[in-house]
């Protein structure tokens, strides 16, 4: 009769330990290789330096006369900055908010009453309203007029007449000094 051999001797245990080490080594090298491939892919999704540079802009307000407006570009969109007259401020504050299509008080839209800062994109179909440049029609409410579809905005950038469903949007901004504002 044949003798039964015992398993689990010293040679077999040494082979198992060596095999485990090689498996761990292969998994470790594979993980490092995968990470070295994935990192550049994920890093490429970060915004480029030129995009980060446009994240905010600073505007010198000292060049804008009372009653006039300028158009600057921020993140590829026009932004209207209007130095409002006392009459424009009074008209904007006297509006009954309950009668508005998108109810919002003038105080909720400005940080300083004399300065109105809004994104110059019509909320109907994305056209650019007129009323910023000298001599352009400002519509029926002394604000902006979108000639494409007939939306009228008041001197606070609120929709008053036409198909636009919302007021002109107010971007995030802060006054750095009395004559400088940072948009974005």
C-alpha atoms as a PDB file:
ATOM      1  CA  UNK A   1       0.000   0.000   0.000  1.00  0.00           C
ATOM      2  CA  UNK A   2       1.119   3.508  -0.732  1.00  0.00           C
ATOM      3  CA  UNK A   3       1.937   5.806   2.074  1.00  0.00           C
ATOM      4  CA  UNK A   4      -0.103   8.961   2.443  1.00  0.00           C
ATOM      5  CA  UNK A   5       1.940  12.129   2.107  1.00  0.00           C
ATOM      6  CA  UNK A   6       1.381  15.049   4.382  1.00  0.00           C
ATOM      7  CA  UNK A   7       0.533  18.357   2.766  1.00  0.00           C
ATOM      8  CA  UNK A   8       1.510  21.714   4.056  1.00  0.00           C
ATOM      9  CA  UNK A   9       5.160  21.065   4.435  1.00  0.00           C
ATOM     10  CA  UNK A  10       7.793  23.805   4.589  1.00  0.00           C
ATOM     11  CA  UNK A  11       8.319  23.933   0.804  1.00  0.00           C
ATOM     12  CA  UNK A  12       4.625  24.426   0.081  1.00  0.00           C
ATOM     13  CA  UNK A  13       4.184  27.184   2.710  1.00  0.00           C
ATOM     14  CA  UNK A  14       7.178  29.035   1.279  1.00  0.00           C
ATOM     15  CA  UNK A  15       5.571  28.852  -2.216  1.00  0.00           C
ATOM     16  CA  UNK A  16       2.308  30.298  -0.913  1.00  0.00           C
ATOM     17  CA  UNK A  17       4.118  33.210   0.764  1.00  0.00           C
ATOM     18  CA  UNK A  18       6.078  33.946  -2.415  1.00  0.00           C
ATOM     19  CA  UNK A  19       2.873  33.778  -4.507  1.00  0.00           C
ATOM     20  CA  UNK A  20       1.064  36.199  -2.152  1.00  0.00           C
ATOM     21  CA  UNK A  21       3.989  38.624  -2.340  1.00  0.00           C
ATOM     22  CA  UNK A  22       3.961  38.509  -6.158  1.00  0.00           C
ATOM     23  CA  UNK A  23       0.174  39.070  -6.209  1.00  0.00           C
ATOM     24  CA  UNK A  24       0.468  42.089  -3.891  1.00  0.00           C
ATOM     25  CA  UNK A  25       3.340  43.431  -5.956  1.00  0.00           C
ATOM     26  CA  UNK A  26       1.354  43.069  -9.204  1.00  0.00           C
ATOM     27  CA  UNK A  27      -1.702  44.795  -7.697  1.00  0.00           C
ATOM     28  CA  UNK A  28       0.480  47.617  -6.313  1.00  0.00           C
ATOM     29  CA  UNK A  29       2.237  48.206  -9.636  1.00  0.00           C
ATOM     30  CA  UNK A  30      -1.136  48.125 -11.424  1.00  0.00           C
ATOM     31  CA  UNK A  31      -2.607  50.692  -8.986  1.00  0.00           C
ATOM     32  CA  UNK A  32       0.338  53.043  -9.461  1.00  0.00           C
ATOM     33  CA  UNK A  33       0.071  52.657 -13.239  1.00  0.00           C
ATOM     34  CA  UNK A  34      -3.681  53.366 -13.193  1.00  0.00           C
ATOM     35  CA  UNK A  35      -3.196  56.420 -10.977  1.00  0.00           C
ATOM     36  CA  UNK A  36      -0.463  57.774 -13.258  1.00  0.00           C
ATOM     37  CA  UNK A  37      -2.887  57.462 -16.187  1.00  0.00           C
ATOM     38  CA  UNK A  38      -5.991  58.857 -14.415  1.00  0.00           C
ATOM     39  CA  UNK A  39      -4.319  61.883 -12.791  1.00  0.00           C
ATOM     40  CA  UNK A  40      -3.542  63.768 -16.049  1.00  0.00           C
ATOM     41  CA  UNK A  41      -7.058  63.042 -17.329  1.00  0.00           C
ATOM     42  CA  UNK A  42      -8.665  64.477 -14.189  1.00  0.00           C
ATOM     43  CA  UNK A  43      -6.226  67.397 -14.099  1.00  0.00           C
ATOM     44  CA  UNK A  44      -7.146  68.310 -17.684  1.00  0.00           C
ATOM     45  CA  UNK A  45     -10.708  68.997 -16.515  1.00  0.00           C
ATOM     46  CA  UNK A  46      -9.589  72.005 -14.438  1.00  0.00           C
ATOM     47  CA  UNK A  47     -10.247  75.415 -16.001  1.00  0.00           C
ATOM     48  CA  UNK A  48      -7.348  76.870 -17.968  1.00  0.00           C
ATOM     49  CA  UNK A  49      -5.481  79.980 -16.826  1.00  0.00           C
ATOM     50  CA  UNK A  50      -7.212  82.232 -19.355  1.00  0.00           C
ATOM     51  CA  UNK A  51     -10.621  81.088 -18.095  1.00  0.00           C
ATOM     52  CA  UNK A  52      -9.614  81.703 -14.478  1.00  0.00           C
ATOM     53  CA  UNK A  53      -8.437  85.178 -15.453  1.00  0.00           C
ATOM     54  CA  UNK A  54     -11.951  85.967 -16.696  1.00  0.00           C
ATOM     55  CA  UNK A  55     -13.579  84.723 -13.488  1.00  0.00           C
ATOM     56  CA  UNK A  56     -13.703  88.293 -12.216  1.00  0.00           C
ATOM     57  CA  UNK A  57     -13.064  91.746 -13.614  1.00  0.00           C
ATOM     58  CA  UNK A  58     -12.497  95.106 -11.992  1.00  0.00           C
ATOM     59  CA  UNK A  59     -14.161  98.187 -13.448  1.00  0.00           C
ATOM     60  CA  UNK A  60     -13.223 101.819 -12.810  1.00  0.00           C
ATOM     61  CA  UNK A  61     -16.517 103.628 -12.206  1.00  0.00           C
ATOM     62  CA  UNK A  62     -15.009 107.129 -12.115  1.00  0.00           C
ATOM     63  CA  UNK A  63     -15.205 107.312 -15.927  1.00  0.00           C
ATOM     64  CA  UNK A  64     -18.999 106.799 -16.028  1.00  0.00           C
ATOM     65  CA  UNK A  65     -20.963 110.059 -15.884  1.00  0.00           C
ATOM     66  CA  UNK A  66     -24.285 110.307 -14.062  1.00  0.00           C
ATOM     67  CA  UNK A  67     -27.059 109.280 -16.438  1.00  0.00           C
ATOM     68  CA  UNK A  68     -24.844 107.175 -18.687  1.00  0.00           C
ATOM     69  CA  UNK A  69     -23.998 103.497 -18.890  1.00  0.00           C
ATOM     70  CA  UNK A  70     -21.208 101.268 -20.138  1.00  0.00           C
ATOM     71  CA  UNK A  71     -21.054  97.741 -21.392  1.00  0.00           C
ATOM     72  CA  UNK A  72     -18.199  95.516 -20.216  1.00  0.00           C
ATOM     73  CA  UNK A  73     -17.671  91.823 -20.853  1.00  0.00           C
ATOM     74  CA  UNK A  74     -17.430  89.256 -18.082  1.00  0.00           C
ATOM     75  CA  UNK A  75     -17.258  85.510 -18.779  1.00  0.00           C
ATOM     76  CA  UNK A  76     -18.115  86.236 -22.394  1.00  0.00           C
ATOM     77  CA  UNK A  77     -21.360  88.022 -21.498  1.00  0.00           C
ATOM     78  CA  UNK A  78     -22.133  91.727 -21.675  1.00  0.00           C
ATOM     79  CA  UNK A  79     -22.642  93.431 -18.320  1.00  0.00           C
ATOM     80  CA  UNK A  80     -24.415  96.790 -18.189  1.00  0.00           C
ATOM     81  CA  UNK A  81     -23.239  99.270 -15.559  1.00  0.00           C
ATOM     82  CA  UNK A  82     -25.460 102.329 -15.266  1.00  0.00           C
ATOM     83  CA  UNK A  83     -24.741 105.400 -13.149  1.00  0.00           C
ATOM     84  CA  UNK A  84     -28.350 106.239 -12.425  1.00  0.00           C
ATOM     85  CA  UNK A  85     -29.779 109.720 -12.013  1.00  0.00           C
ATOM     86  CA  UNK A  86     -31.883 110.700  -9.023  1.00  0.00           C
ATOM     87  CA  UNK A  87     -34.954 110.521 -11.287  1.00  0.00           C
ATOM     88  CA  UNK A  88     -34.111 106.946 -12.402  1.00  0.00           C
ATOM     89  CA  UNK A  89     -33.574 105.872  -8.796  1.00  0.00           C
ATOM     90  CA  UNK A  90     -36.860 107.437  -7.719  1.00  0.00           C
ATOM     91  CA  UNK A  91     -38.768 105.813 -10.612  1.00  0.00           C
ATOM     92  CA  UNK A  92     -37.254 102.422  -9.797  1.00  0.00           C
ATOM     93  CA  UNK A  93     -38.096 102.685  -6.095  1.00  0.00           C
ATOM     94  CA  UNK A  94     -41.667 103.915  -6.672  1.00  0.00           C
ATOM     95  CA  UNK A  95     -42.781 100.866  -8.690  1.00  0.00           C
ATOM     96  CA  UNK A  96     -45.450  98.688  -7.061  1.00  0.00           C
ATOM     97  CA  UNK A  97     -43.593  95.345  -6.871  1.00  0.00           C
ATOM     98  CA  UNK A  98     -46.886  93.397  -6.947  1.00  0.00           C
ATOM     99  CA  UNK A  99     -47.487  94.580 -10.529  1.00  0.00           C
ATOM    100  CA  UNK A 100     -44.212  93.185 -11.864  1.00  0.00           C
ATOM    101  CA  UNK A 101     -43.844  90.024 -13.962  1.00  0.00           C
ATOM    102  CA  UNK A 102     -40.827  88.994 -11.840  1.00  0.00           C
ATOM    103  CA  UNK A 103     -41.449  90.798  -8.520  1.00  0.00           C
ATOM    104  CA  UNK A 104     -38.258  92.240  -7.072  1.00  0.00           C
ATOM    105  CA  UNK A 105     -37.686  95.565  -5.346  1.00  0.00           C
ATOM    106  CA  UNK A 106     -34.999  97.949  -6.524  1.00  0.00           C
ATOM    107  CA  UNK A 107     -33.258  97.648  -3.142  1.00  0.00           C
ATOM    108  CA  UNK A 108     -32.874  93.889  -3.714  1.00  0.00           C
ATOM    109  CA  UNK A 109     -31.104  94.521  -7.028  1.00  0.00           C
ATOM    110  CA  UNK A 110     -28.532  97.176  -6.075  1.00  0.00           C
ATOM    111  CA  UNK A 111     -25.906  97.632  -3.375  1.00  0.00           C
ATOM    112  CA  UNK A 112     -25.671 101.383  -3.916  1.00  0.00           C
ATOM    113  CA  UNK A 113     -28.753 103.095  -5.403  1.00  0.00           C
ATOM    114  CA  UNK A 114     -26.755 105.149  -7.917  1.00  0.00           C
ATOM    115  CA  UNK A 115     -25.114 102.065  -9.466  1.00  0.00           C
ATOM    116  CA  UNK A 116     -27.049  99.357 -11.304  1.00  0.00           C
ATOM    117  CA  UNK A 117     -25.061  96.352 -12.501  1.00  0.00           C
ATOM    118  CA  UNK A 118     -26.867  93.677 -14.551  1.00  0.00           C
ATOM    119  CA  UNK A 119     -25.993  90.958 -17.059  1.00  0.00           C
ATOM    120  CA  UNK A 120     -27.040  92.362 -20.434  1.00  0.00           C
ATOM    121  CA  UNK A 121     -28.712  89.244 -21.808  1.00  0.00           C
ATOM    122  CA  UNK A 122     -32.474  89.212 -22.405  1.00  0.00           C
ATOM    123  CA  UNK A 123     -34.086  86.451 -20.359  1.00  0.00           C
ATOM    124  CA  UNK A 124     -36.436  85.549 -23.206  1.00  0.00           C
ATOM    125  CA  UNK A 125     -34.128  84.136 -25.888  1.00  0.00           C
ATOM    126  CA  UNK A 126     -30.688  85.478 -24.987  1.00  0.00           C
ATOM    127  CA  UNK A 127     -30.594  88.591 -27.176  1.00  0.00           C
ATOM    128  CA  UNK A 128     -28.698  91.697 -26.065  1.00  0.00           C
ATOM    129  CA  UNK A 129     -31.045  94.583 -25.214  1.00  0.00           C
ATOM    130  CA  UNK A 130     -30.239  98.130 -26.306  1.00  0.00           C
ATOM    131  CA  UNK A 131     -30.186 101.224 -24.142  1.00  0.00           C
ATOM    132  CA  UNK A 132     -26.593 101.354 -22.945  1.00  0.00           C
ATOM    133  CA  UNK A 133     -25.060 103.501 -25.692  1.00  0.00           C
ATOM    134  CA  UNK A 134     -25.840 107.169 -26.181  1.00  0.00           C
ATOM    135  CA  UNK A 135     -28.890 107.673 -28.363  1.00  0.00           C
ATOM    136  CA  UNK A 136     -30.185 104.082 -28.148  1.00  0.00           C
ATOM    137  CA  UNK A 137     -33.846 103.655 -27.347  1.00  0.00           C
ATOM    138  CA  UNK A 138     -34.473 102.646 -23.781  1.00  0.00           C
ATOM    139  CA  UNK A 139     -37.993 101.335 -24.228  1.00  0.00           C
ATOM    140  CA  UNK A 140     -41.133 102.504 -22.492  1.00  0.00           C
ATOM    141  CA  UNK A 141     -39.687 102.377 -18.974  1.00  0.00           C
ATOM    142  CA  UNK A 142     -36.394 104.261 -19.434  1.00  0.00           C
ATOM    143  CA  UNK A 143     -34.282 101.121 -19.046  1.00  0.00           C
ATOM    144  CA  UNK A 144     -33.452  98.694 -21.835  1.00  0.00           C
ATOM    145  CA  UNK A 145     -35.355  97.457 -24.854  1.00  0.00           C
ATOM    146  CA  UNK A 146     -34.878  94.143 -26.646  1.00  0.00           C
ATOM    147  CA  UNK A 147     -35.878  94.853 -30.266  1.00  0.00           C
ATOM    148  CA  UNK A 148     -35.873  91.161 -31.231  1.00  0.00           C
ATOM    149  CA  UNK A 149     -39.075  90.298 -29.378  1.00  0.00           C
ATOM    150  CA  UNK A 150     -40.173  93.530 -27.708  1.00  0.00           C
ATOM    151  CA  UNK A 151     -39.169  93.068 -24.068  1.00  0.00           C
ATOM    152  CA  UNK A 152     -39.014  96.316 -22.077  1.00  0.00           C
ATOM    153  CA  UNK A 153     -36.885  96.596 -18.914  1.00  0.00           C
ATOM    154  CA  UNK A 154     -37.020  99.488 -16.449  1.00  0.00           C
ATOM    155  CA  UNK A 155     -34.166 101.484 -14.903  1.00  0.00           C
ATOM    156  CA  UNK A 156     -33.655  98.666 -12.397  1.00  0.00           C
ATOM    157  CA  UNK A 157     -33.371  95.994 -15.126  1.00  0.00           C
ATOM    158  CA  UNK A 158     -36.784  94.505 -14.251  1.00  0.00           C
ATOM    159  CA  UNK A 159     -39.007  93.122 -16.996  1.00  0.00           C
ATOM    160  CA  UNK A 160     -42.057  95.352 -17.388  1.00  0.00           C
ATOM    161  CA  UNK A 161     -43.503  94.402 -20.764  1.00  0.00           C
ATOM    162  CA  UNK A 162     -42.936  91.686 -23.347  1.00  0.00           C
ATOM    163  CA  UNK A 163     -42.251  87.951 -23.437  1.00  0.00           C
ATOM    164  CA  UNK A 164     -39.198  87.840 -21.138  1.00  0.00           C
ATOM    165  CA  UNK A 165     -40.045  85.795 -18.025  1.00  0.00           C
ATOM    166  CA  UNK A 166     -37.392  87.226 -15.671  1.00  0.00           C
ATOM    167  CA  UNK A 167     -35.565  90.411 -14.808  1.00  0.00           C
ATOM    168  CA  UNK A 168     -32.064  90.980 -16.146  1.00  0.00           C
ATOM    169  CA  UNK A 169     -29.821  88.958 -13.851  1.00  0.00           C
ATOM    170  CA  UNK A 170     -27.634  90.679 -11.278  1.00  0.00           C
ATOM    171  CA  UNK A 171     -24.119  89.183 -11.191  1.00  0.00           C
ATOM    172  CA  UNK A 172     -22.130  88.748  -7.994  1.00  0.00           C
ATOM    173  CA  UNK A 173     -20.181  91.942  -7.423  1.00  0.00           C
ATOM    174  CA  UNK A 174     -18.543  93.963  -4.686  1.00  0.00           C
ATOM    175  CA  UNK A 175     -17.351  97.516  -4.353  1.00  0.00           C
ATOM    176  CA  UNK A 176     -13.602  97.582  -3.658  1.00  0.00           C
ATOM    177  CA  UNK A 177     -13.578 101.381  -3.325  1.00  0.00           C
ATOM    178  CA  UNK A 178     -16.078 104.136  -4.085  1.00  0.00           C
ATOM    179  CA  UNK A 179     -14.866 104.141  -7.696  1.00  0.00           C
ATOM    180  CA  UNK A 180     -13.955 100.478  -8.308  1.00  0.00           C
ATOM    181  CA  UNK A 181     -16.178  97.430  -8.511  1.00  0.00           C
ATOM    182  CA  UNK A 182     -15.209  93.770  -8.913  1.00  0.00           C
ATOM    183  CA  UNK A 183     -17.674  91.647 -10.866  1.00  0.00           C
ATOM    184  CA  UNK A 184     -17.488  87.907 -10.258  1.00  0.00           C
END
